[in-house]
C-alpha atoms as a PDB file:
ATOM      1  CA  MET A   1       0.640 -15.533 -99.206  1.00  0.00           C
ATOM      2  CA  HIS A   2      -3.046 -16.168 -98.246  1.00  0.00           C
ATOM      3  CA  ARG A   3      -4.930 -13.084 -97.019  1.00  0.00           C
ATOM      4  CA  LYS A   4      -5.916 -14.682 -93.678  1.00  0.00           C
ATOM      5  CA  ILE A   5      -2.347 -15.556 -93.022  1.00  0.00           C
ATOM      6  CA  ALA A   6      -1.119 -12.124 -93.964  1.00  0.00           C
ATOM      7  CA  GLN A   7      -3.586 -10.573 -91.495  1.00  0.00           C
ATOM      8  CA  ALA A   8      -2.182 -12.789 -88.745  1.00  0.00           C
ATOM      9  CA  LEU A   9       1.279 -11.383 -89.285  1.00  0.00           C
ATOM     10  CA  SER A  10       2.862  -7.964 -88.648  1.00  0.00           C
ATOM     11  CA  MET A  11       3.988  -6.157 -91.638  1.00  0.00           C
ATOM     12  CA  ASP A  12       7.645  -6.513 -90.638  1.00  0.00           C
ATOM     13  CA  LEU A  13       7.111 -10.118 -90.505  1.00  0.00           C
ATOM     14  CA  ILE A  14       5.506 -10.642 -93.879  1.00  0.00           C
ATOM     15  CA  ARG A  15       8.735  -9.923 -95.635  1.00  0.00           C
ATOM     16  CA  THR A  16      10.734 -12.203 -93.422  1.00  0.00           C
ATOM     17  CA  PHE A  17       8.376 -15.064 -93.873  1.00  0.00           C
ATOM     18  CA  ALA A  18       8.238 -14.544 -97.652  1.00  0.00           C
ATOM     19  CA  LEU A  19      12.139 -14.801 -97.642  1.00  0.00           C
ATOM     20  CA  ARG A  20      12.170 -17.995 -95.505  1.00  0.00           C
ATOM     21  CA  LEU A  21       9.381 -19.782 -97.078  1.00  0.00           C
ATOM     22  CA  GLY A  22      10.895 -19.079-100.571  1.00  0.00           C
ATOM     23  CA  HIS A  23      14.174 -20.817 -99.503  1.00  0.00           C
ATOM     24  CA  ARG A  24      14.096 -24.523-100.612  1.00  0.00           C
ATOM     25  CA  ASN A  25      15.922 -25.601 -97.664  1.00  0.00           C
ATOM     26  CA  GLY A  26      13.775 -23.887 -94.974  1.00  0.00           C
ATOM     27  CA  PRO A  27      10.798 -25.164 -93.147  1.00  0.00           C
ATOM     28  CA  LYS A  28       7.109 -24.597 -94.166  1.00  0.00           C
ATOM     29  CA  PHE A  29       4.748 -22.758 -92.060  1.00  0.00           C
ATOM     30  CA  ARG A  30       0.933 -22.756 -91.842  1.00  0.00           C
ATOM     31  CA  VAL A  31      -0.433 -19.901 -89.759  1.00  0.00           C
ATOM     32  CA  PHE A  32      -4.179 -20.147 -88.864  1.00  0.00           C
ATOM     33  CA  HIS A  33      -6.573 -17.542 -87.765  1.00  0.00           C
ATOM     34  CA  ASN A  34      -6.099 -15.971 -84.461  1.00  0.00           C
ATOM     35  CA  SER A  35      -2.399 -16.771 -84.400  1.00  0.00           C
ATOM     36  CA  ARG A  36       0.531 -14.317 -84.102  1.00  0.00           C
ATOM     37  CA  VAL A  37       4.034 -15.073 -85.280  1.00  0.00           C
ATOM     38  CA  TYR A  38       7.059 -12.818 -84.616  1.00  0.00           C
ATOM     39  CA  VAL A  39      10.338 -13.549 -86.138  1.00  0.00           C
ATOM     40  CA  ARG A  40      13.225 -11.078 -85.772  1.00  0.00           C
ATOM     41  CA  PRO A  41      15.413 -10.372 -88.957  1.00  0.00           C
ATOM     42  CA  SER A  42      18.480 -11.859 -87.275  1.00  0.00           C
ATOM     43  CA  ALA A  43      16.765 -14.970 -86.404  1.00  0.00           C
ATOM     44  CA  THR A  44      17.339 -18.283 -88.275  1.00  0.00           C
ATOM     45  CA  LEU A  45      14.630 -20.598 -89.398  1.00  0.00           C
ATOM     46  CA  THR A  46      15.967 -23.862 -90.623  1.00  0.00           C
ATOM     47  CA  GLY A  47      15.072 -27.526 -91.295  1.00  0.00           C
ATOM     48  CA  SER A  48      12.974 -29.478 -94.006  1.00  0.00           C
ATOM     49  CA  GLY A  49       9.901 -29.990 -91.919  1.00  0.00           C
ATOM     50  CA  SER A  50       6.704 -28.055 -91.349  1.00  0.00           C
ATOM     51  CA  LEU A  51       5.151 -26.149 -88.461  1.00  0.00           C
ATOM     52  CA  SER A  52       1.261 -25.433 -88.165  1.00  0.00           C
ATOM     53  CA  VAL A  53       0.540 -22.548 -85.942  1.00  0.00           C
ATOM     54  CA  GLY A  54      -3.048 -22.384 -84.394  1.00  0.00           C
ATOM     55  CA  THR A  55      -4.394 -25.705 -85.383  1.00  0.00           C
ATOM     56  CA  ARG A  56      -7.932 -26.157 -84.021  1.00  0.00           C
ATOM     57  CA  TRP A  57      -8.315 -29.193 -81.862  1.00  0.00           C
ATOM     58  CA  PRO A  58     -11.065 -29.875 -81.049  1.00  0.00           C
ATOM     59  CA  ALA A  59     -12.501 -28.095 -84.097  1.00  0.00           C
ATOM     60  CA  TYR A  60     -14.740 -25.707 -81.875  1.00  0.00           C
ATOM     61  CA  CYS A  61     -11.619 -24.323 -79.981  1.00  0.00           C
ATOM     62  CA  SER A  62     -10.135 -21.088 -81.172  1.00  0.00           C
ATOM     63  CA  TYR A  63      -7.656 -19.479 -78.878  1.00  0.00           C
ATOM     64  CA  ARG A  64      -4.761 -16.937 -79.420  1.00  0.00           C
ATOM     65  CA  THR A  65      -1.609 -18.883 -80.429  1.00  0.00           C
ATOM     66  CA  LEU A  66       1.900 -17.331 -80.207  1.00  0.00           C
ATOM     67  CA  LEU A  67       5.147 -18.185 -81.976  1.00  0.00           C
ATOM     68  CA  SER A  68       8.117 -15.843 -81.291  1.00  0.00           C
ATOM     69  CA  VAL A  69      11.582 -16.152 -82.458  1.00  0.00           C
ATOM     70  CA  TRP A  70      13.972 -13.394 -81.158  1.00  0.00           C
ATOM     71  CA  ASP A  71      17.256 -11.908 -82.174  1.00  0.00           C
ATOM     72  CA  ARG A  72      19.970 -14.332 -83.279  1.00  0.00           C
ATOM     73  CA  ALA A  73      17.753 -17.264 -82.135  1.00  0.00           C
ATOM     74  CA  THR A  74      17.423 -20.378 -84.160  1.00  0.00           C
ATOM     75  CA  LEU A  75      14.225 -22.475 -84.794  1.00  0.00           C
ATOM     76  CA  GLU A  76      14.823 -25.795 -86.567  1.00  0.00           C
ATOM     77  CA  VAL A  77      11.964 -27.708 -87.613  1.00  0.00           C
ATOM     78  CA  SER A  78      12.843 -31.256 -89.076  1.00  0.00           C
ATOM     79  CA  GLY A  79       9.480 -32.988 -89.175  1.00  0.00           C
ATOM     80  CA  ASP A  80       5.653 -32.145 -89.154  1.00  0.00           C
ATOM     81  CA  PHE A  81       4.767 -30.426 -85.857  1.00  0.00           C
ATOM     82  CA  SER A  82       1.511 -28.760 -84.959  1.00  0.00           C
ATOM     83  CA  MET A  83       0.659 -26.018 -82.266  1.00  0.00           C
ATOM     84  CA  ALA A  84      -2.808 -26.263 -81.201  1.00  0.00           C
ATOM     85  CA  THR A  85      -4.794 -23.093 -80.465  1.00  0.00           C
ATOM     86  CA  GLY A  86      -3.746 -21.376 -77.205  1.00  0.00           C
ATOM     87  CA  SER A  87      -0.260 -22.741 -77.255  1.00  0.00           C
ATOM     88  CA  ARG A  88       2.752 -20.741 -77.017  1.00  0.00           C
ATOM     89  CA  ILE A  89       6.442 -21.115 -78.183  1.00  0.00           C
ATOM     90  CA  VAL A  90       9.052 -18.496 -77.473  1.00  0.00           C
ATOM     91  CA  VAL A  91      12.590 -18.852 -78.432  1.00  0.00           C
ATOM     92  CA  ASP A  92      14.803 -16.123 -76.585  1.00  0.00           C
ATOM     93  CA  SER A  93      17.592 -14.206 -78.039  1.00  0.00           C
ATOM     94  CA  GLY A  94      20.558 -16.433 -78.962  1.00  0.00           C
ATOM     95  CA  ALA A  95      18.633 -19.718 -78.116  1.00  0.00           C
ATOM     96  CA  THR A  96      18.110 -22.718 -80.193  1.00  0.00           C
ATOM     97  CA  LEU A  97      14.916 -24.809 -80.282  1.00  0.00           C
ATOM     98  CA  ARG A  98      14.982 -28.036 -82.408  1.00  0.00           C
ATOM     99  CA  ILE A  99      11.635 -29.778 -83.133  1.00  0.00           C
ATOM    100  CA  GLY A 100      10.909 -32.989 -84.800  1.00  0.00           C
ATOM    101  CA  SER A 101       7.381 -34.182 -85.252  1.00  0.00           C
ATOM    102  CA  GLY A 102       4.369 -34.318 -83.115  1.00  0.00           C
ATOM    103  CA  PHE A 103       2.120 -31.751 -81.489  1.00  0.00           C
ATOM    104  CA  ALA A 104       1.623 -29.210 -78.678  1.00  0.00           C
ATOM    105  CA  ASN A 105      -1.936 -29.280 -77.396  1.00  0.00           C
ATOM    106  CA  ASN A 106      -3.973 -26.275 -76.159  1.00  0.00           C
ATOM    107  CA  PHE A 107      -2.369 -23.784 -73.658  1.00  0.00           C
ATOM    108  CA  SER A 108       0.935 -25.691 -73.693  1.00  0.00           C
ATOM    109  CA  SER A 109       4.090 -23.479 -73.317  1.00  0.00           C
ATOM    110  CA  ILE A 110       7.578 -23.961 -74.528  1.00  0.00           C
ATOM    111  CA  ALA A 111      10.016 -21.292 -73.291  1.00  0.00           C
ATOM    112  CA  CYS A 112      13.507 -21.757 -74.741  1.00  0.00           C
ATOM    113  CA  PHE A 113      16.276 -19.494 -73.266  1.00  0.00           C
ATOM    114  CA  GLN A 114      19.297 -21.671 -74.273  1.00  0.00           C
ATOM    115  CA  SER A 115      18.571 -25.002 -75.745  1.00  0.00           C
ATOM    116  CA  ILE A 116      15.582 -27.351 -76.133  1.00  0.00           C
ATOM    117  CA  THR A 117      15.427 -30.348 -78.276  1.00  0.00           C
ATOM    118  CA  ILE A 118      12.200 -32.208 -79.159  1.00  0.00           C
ATOM    119  CA  GLY A 119      12.326 -35.449 -80.998  1.00  0.00           C
ATOM    120  CA  ASN A 120       9.889 -37.283 -83.336  1.00  0.00           C
ATOM    121  CA  ASN A 121       6.375 -38.446 -82.513  1.00  0.00           C
ATOM    122  CA  VAL A 122       6.285 -36.349 -79.286  1.00  0.00           C
ATOM    123  CA  ALA A 123       2.732 -35.737 -77.854  1.00  0.00           C
ATOM    124  CA  ILE A 124       2.611 -32.684 -75.551  1.00  0.00           C
ATOM    125  CA  ALA A 125      -0.825 -32.573 -73.797  1.00  0.00           C
ATOM    126  CA  ASP A 126      -2.736 -29.466 -72.945  1.00  0.00           C
ATOM    127  CA  GLY A 127      -1.354 -27.081 -70.250  1.00  0.00           C
ATOM    128  CA  VAL A 128       2.194 -28.638 -70.407  1.00  0.00           C
ATOM    129  CA  VAL A 129       5.058 -26.277 -69.473  1.00  0.00           C
ATOM    130  CA  ILE A 130       8.544 -26.874 -70.921  1.00  0.00           C
ATOM    131  CA  ARG A 131      11.077 -24.322 -69.744  1.00  0.00           C
ATOM    132  CA  ASP A 132      14.956 -24.582 -69.781  1.00  0.00           C
ATOM    133  CA  SER A 133      15.537 -21.585 -67.371  1.00  0.00           C
ATOM    134  CA  ASP A 134      14.577 -20.304 -63.966  1.00  0.00           C
ATOM    135  CA  SER A 135      15.116 -16.888 -65.319  1.00  0.00           C
ATOM    136  CA  HIS A 136      16.542 -15.767 -61.970  1.00  0.00           C
ATOM    137  CA  THR A 137      19.644 -16.797 -59.975  1.00  0.00           C
ATOM    138  CA  ILE A 138      19.443 -18.003 -56.311  1.00  0.00           C
ATOM    139  CA  LEU A 139      22.343 -16.310 -54.476  1.00  0.00           C
ATOM    140  CA  GLY A 140      24.756 -17.993 -52.104  1.00  0.00           C
ATOM    141  CA  GLY A 141      25.212 -21.373 -54.016  1.00  0.00           C
ATOM    142  CA  ASP A 142      26.067 -23.272 -57.010  1.00  0.00           C
ATOM    143  CA  HIS A 143      22.617 -22.492 -58.666  1.00  0.00           C
ATOM    144  CA  VAL A 144      22.715 -22.702 -62.470  1.00  0.00           C
ATOM    145  CA  PRO A 145      19.701 -20.799 -63.653  1.00  0.00           C
ATOM    146  CA  THR A 146      19.594 -22.262 -67.374  1.00  0.00           C
ATOM    147  CA  SER A 147      20.448 -25.681 -68.643  1.00  0.00           C
ATOM    148  CA  PRO A 148      19.338 -27.602 -71.870  1.00  0.00           C
ATOM    149  CA  ILE A 149      16.374 -29.850 -72.115  1.00  0.00           C
ATOM    150  CA  VAL A 150      16.315 -32.952 -74.484  1.00  0.00           C
ATOM    151  CA  ILE A 151      13.053 -34.688 -75.170  1.00  0.00           C
ATOM    152  CA  GLY A 152      13.520 -38.114 -77.114  1.00  0.00           C
ATOM    153  CA  ASN A 153      11.369 -39.805 -79.716  1.00  0.00           C
ATOM    154  CA  ASN A 154       7.888 -41.274 -79.022  1.00  0.00           C
ATOM    155  CA  VAL A 155       7.387 -39.409 -75.757  1.00  0.00           C
ATOM    156  CA  TRP A 156       4.042 -38.620 -74.247  1.00  0.00           C
ATOM    157  CA  ILE A 157       3.906 -35.665 -71.706  1.00  0.00           C
ATOM    158  CA  GLY A 158       0.522 -35.605 -69.859  1.00  0.00           C
ATOM    159  CA  THR A 159      -1.758 -32.757 -69.094  1.00  0.00           C
ATOM    160  CA  ASN A 160      -0.508 -29.907 -66.848  1.00  0.00           C
ATOM    161  CA  SER A 161       2.988 -31.425 -66.557  1.00  0.00           C
ATOM    162  CA  ILE A 162       6.076 -29.325 -66.214  1.00  0.00           C
ATOM    163  CA  ILE A 163       9.539 -30.160 -67.609  1.00  0.00           C
ATOM    164  CA  LEU A 164      12.314 -28.091 -65.916  1.00  0.00           C
ATOM    165  CA  LYS A 165      15.788 -27.170 -67.022  1.00  0.00           C
ATOM    166  CA  GLY A 166      18.637 -29.779 -67.464  1.00  0.00           C
ATOM    167  CA  VAL A 167      16.252 -32.713 -68.024  1.00  0.00           C
ATOM    168  CA  THR A 168      16.649 -35.404 -70.537  1.00  0.00           C
ATOM    169  CA  ILE A 169      13.480 -37.569 -71.280  1.00  0.00           C
ATOM    170  CA  GLY A 170      14.432 -40.927 -72.947  1.00  0.00           C
ATOM    171  CA  ASP A 171      12.679 -42.429 -76.014  1.00  0.00           C
ATOM    172  CA  GLY A 172       9.331 -43.889 -75.349  1.00  0.00           C
ATOM    173  CA  ALA A 173       8.837 -42.405 -72.029  1.00  0.00           C
ATOM    174  CA  ILE A 174       5.472 -41.294 -70.499  1.00  0.00           C
ATOM    175  CA  VAL A 175       5.111 -38.233 -68.051  1.00  0.00           C
ATOM    176  CA  ALA A 176       1.864 -38.694 -65.986  1.00  0.00           C
ATOM    177  CA  ALA A 177      -0.549 -35.781 -65.832  1.00  0.00           C
ATOM    178  CA  GLY A 178       0.437 -33.121 -63.287  1.00  0.00           C
ATOM    179  CA  SER A 179       3.987 -34.236 -62.904  1.00  0.00           C
ATOM    180  CA  VAL A 180       6.994 -31.954 -62.288  1.00  0.00           C
ATOM    181  CA  VAL A 181      10.066 -33.416 -63.917  1.00  0.00           C
ATOM    182  CA  THR A 182      13.306 -32.213 -62.365  1.00  0.00           C
ATOM    183  CA  LYS A 183      15.565 -35.190 -63.133  1.00  0.00           C
ATOM    184  CA  ASN A 184      16.358 -37.326 -66.212  1.00  0.00           C
ATOM    185  CA  VAL A 185      13.806 -39.938 -67.276  1.00  0.00           C
ATOM    186  CA  ALA A 186      14.951 -43.299 -68.592  1.00  0.00           C
ATOM    187  CA  PRO A 187      13.700 -44.521 -71.917  1.00  0.00           C
ATOM    188  CA  ARG A 188      10.317 -46.501 -71.792  1.00  0.00           C
ATOM    189  CA  THR A 189       9.468 -45.627 -68.141  1.00  0.00           C
ATOM    190  CA  LEU A 190       6.437 -44.014 -66.617  1.00  0.00           C
ATOM    191  CA  VAL A 191       7.120 -41.331 -64.201  1.00  0.00           C
ATOM    192  CA  ALA A 192       4.529 -39.332 -61.990  1.00  0.00           C
ATOM    193  CA  GLY A 193       4.434 -36.975 -59.013  1.00  0.00           C
ATOM    194  CA  VAL A 194       5.962 -33.938 -57.626  1.00  0.00           C
ATOM    195  CA  PRO A 195       8.815 -34.241 -58.118  1.00  0.00           C
ATOM    196  CA  ALA A 196       8.270 -37.004 -60.758  1.00  0.00           C
ATOM    197  CA  LYS A 197       9.559 -40.466 -59.832  1.00  0.00           C
ATOM    198  CA  MET A 198       9.640 -43.831 -61.847  1.00  0.00           C
ATOM    199  CA  ILE A 199       6.399 -45.745 -61.414  1.00  0.00           C
ATOM    200  CA  ARG A 200       6.769 -48.485 -64.044  1.00  0.00           C
ATOM    201  CA  GLU A 201       9.373 -49.625 -66.541  1.00  0.00           C
ATOM    202  CA  ASN A 202       9.210 -51.138 -70.031  1.00  0.00           C
ATOM    203  CA  VAL A 203       6.021 -49.200 -70.834  1.00  0.00           C
ATOM    204  CA  ALA A 204       4.721 -48.470 -74.358  1.00  0.00           C
ATOM    205  CA  TRP A 205       1.888 -46.226 -75.735  1.00  0.00           C
ATOM    206  CA  GLN A 206       0.242 -45.360 -79.040  1.00  0.00           C
END
């Protein structure tokens, strides 16, 4: 393991990563300077893709990046995905995060407490929050604090948007900057606002 990568990991983690990286069916990891990766021994890392942690974009940006996979959690990486500097991914105990391909830009945050699925060619802009749990229960009603999130293929999530629990975003959809998504988004639609509402149908982006 490269010395700079080793310095970014705890001693307990180095052994875990060596085991996972040595498995032919597991994902590949590239951990850059000023990044921290924590994987509990009971966690599962699976998939044939690759995950880059702490990629500099733009090249002059260098912020602390965090990837944390807790007890009995599962992280599946099926494509090539990049976490830019300052981003954070946390997979809580017993939760499952499935990632295809794309990127999460500076200061974006993915907090998975039950189940989050991210498709292929997904662009997550800077400051985006994706969170499948409220982490608290509101008493006196039918409040469900945690519910899965599914993000389809070729989705663009704009700067400082928030994707909340129980949401499915269809293939090719666009979430405008600053939106708060609380309901499902149909494929190839543009949504915007707080809460987010459909602005345009049959959209495309590249």
